[in-house]
Amino acid sequence: MEARLIAAIILSPFLVAFVYAGVHEYLRYRSEGRADYGLQFDEETGTTHVTSISEDEDSYDPDDFDPNRGYTDEDDETT
């Protein structure tokens, strides 16, 4: 086989997935408008995943994080 054909066969699944994700996101944008994405922690499974953040929720701001300060219960707004 020619090298170009082999490269096309290897890259085609990635291209199809990229186009599918682009179309899916475009259709979501048309129906729901602009979205902010961020990491969300699922306490039941102990995993994080990327999801859209609601307008009423604050997104993570890296400028607000101070690693030298540490974590206190005052930071946890859910309790």
Protein backbone atom coordinates (compact mmCIF):
# COMPACT_ATOMS: atom_id res chain seq x y z
CA MET A 1 0.00 0.00 0.00
CA GLU A 2 1.01 3.54 -0.58
CA ALA A 3 2.06 5.57 2.48
CA ARG A 4 -0.60 8.22 1.87
CA LEU A 5 -3.36 5.62 1.88
CA ILE A 6 -2.10 4.10 5.13
CA ALA A 7 -1.93 7.56 6.74
CA ALA A 8 -5.48 8.33 5.56
CA ILE A 9 -6.78 5.05 6.98
CA ILE A 10 -5.10 5.71 10.34
CA LEU A 11 -6.27 9.34 10.58
CA SER A 12 -9.82 8.93 9.27
CA PRO A 13 -11.42 7.76 12.59
CA PHE A 14 -10.00 10.81 14.35
CA LEU A 15 -11.27 13.09 11.60
CA VAL A 16 -14.74 11.56 11.79
CA ALA A 17 -14.82 11.94 15.60
CA PHE A 18 -13.64 15.56 15.35
CA VAL A 19 -16.28 16.44 12.75
CA TYR A 20 -18.99 14.68 14.79
CA ALA A 21 -18.02 16.59 17.95
CA GLY A 22 -17.98 19.87 16.03
CA VAL A 23 -21.45 19.30 14.58
CA HIS A 24 -22.77 18.21 17.98
CA GLU A 25 -21.35 21.32 19.69
CA TYR A 26 -22.68 23.60 16.94
CA LEU A 27 -26.20 22.18 17.32
CA ARG A 28 -25.96 22.58 21.12
CA TYR A 29 -24.80 26.19 20.67
CA ARG A 30 -27.73 26.96 18.37
CA SER A 31 -30.27 25.57 20.82
CA GLU A 32 -28.78 26.66 24.18
CA GLY A 33 -26.42 29.54 23.40
CA ARG A 34 -22.94 30.10 24.74
CA ALA A 35 -21.68 27.79 27.50
CA ASP A 36 -18.84 27.80 30.00
CA TYR A 37 -17.09 24.49 30.53
CA GLY A 38 -15.24 23.32 33.58
CA LEU A 39 -14.41 20.36 35.78
CA GLN A 40 -17.16 18.97 37.96
CA PHE A 41 -16.49 16.53 40.80
CA ASP A 42 -18.86 13.60 41.30
CA GLU A 43 -18.74 12.69 45.00
CA GLU A 44 -20.43 9.31 44.52
CA THR A 45 -17.81 7.96 42.13
CA GLY A 46 -14.89 10.16 43.19
CA THR A 47 -14.21 11.24 39.60
CA THR A 48 -14.12 14.52 37.75
CA HIS A 49 -15.36 15.22 34.25
CA VAL A 50 -15.68 18.20 31.93
CA THR A 51 -19.20 19.59 31.74
CA SER A 52 -20.97 22.86 31.11
CA ILE A 53 -21.35 25.17 34.11
CA SER A 54 -24.71 26.82 34.78
CA GLU A 55 -24.95 30.59 34.65
CA ASP A 56 -25.87 30.76 38.35
CA GLU A 57 -22.75 28.81 39.41
CA ASP A 58 -19.31 30.34 39.70
CA SER A 59 -16.62 28.89 37.51
CA TYR A 60 -13.12 28.22 38.80
CA ASP A 61 -10.90 31.28 38.79
CA PRO A 62 -7.20 30.38 39.04
CA ASP A 63 -6.40 33.88 40.31
CA ASP A 64 -8.49 33.22 43.45
CA PHE A 65 -6.52 30.09 44.36
CA ASP A 66 -3.64 30.49 46.81
CA PRO A 67 -1.77 27.20 47.39
CA ASN A 68 0.06 28.67 50.39
CA ARG A 69 -3.20 29.39 52.21
CA GLY A 70 -4.39 25.80 52.32
CA TYR A 71 -7.92 24.48 52.63
CA THR A 72 -10.23 25.37 55.50
CA ASP A 73 -13.88 24.60 56.18
CA GLU A 74 -14.64 28.27 55.51
CA ASP A 75 -13.85 27.61 51.84
CA ASP A 76 -16.56 24.94 51.62
CA GLU A 77 -19.79 26.82 50.86
CA THR A 78 -21.99 23.71 50.80
CA THR A 79 -21.89 23.07 54.58
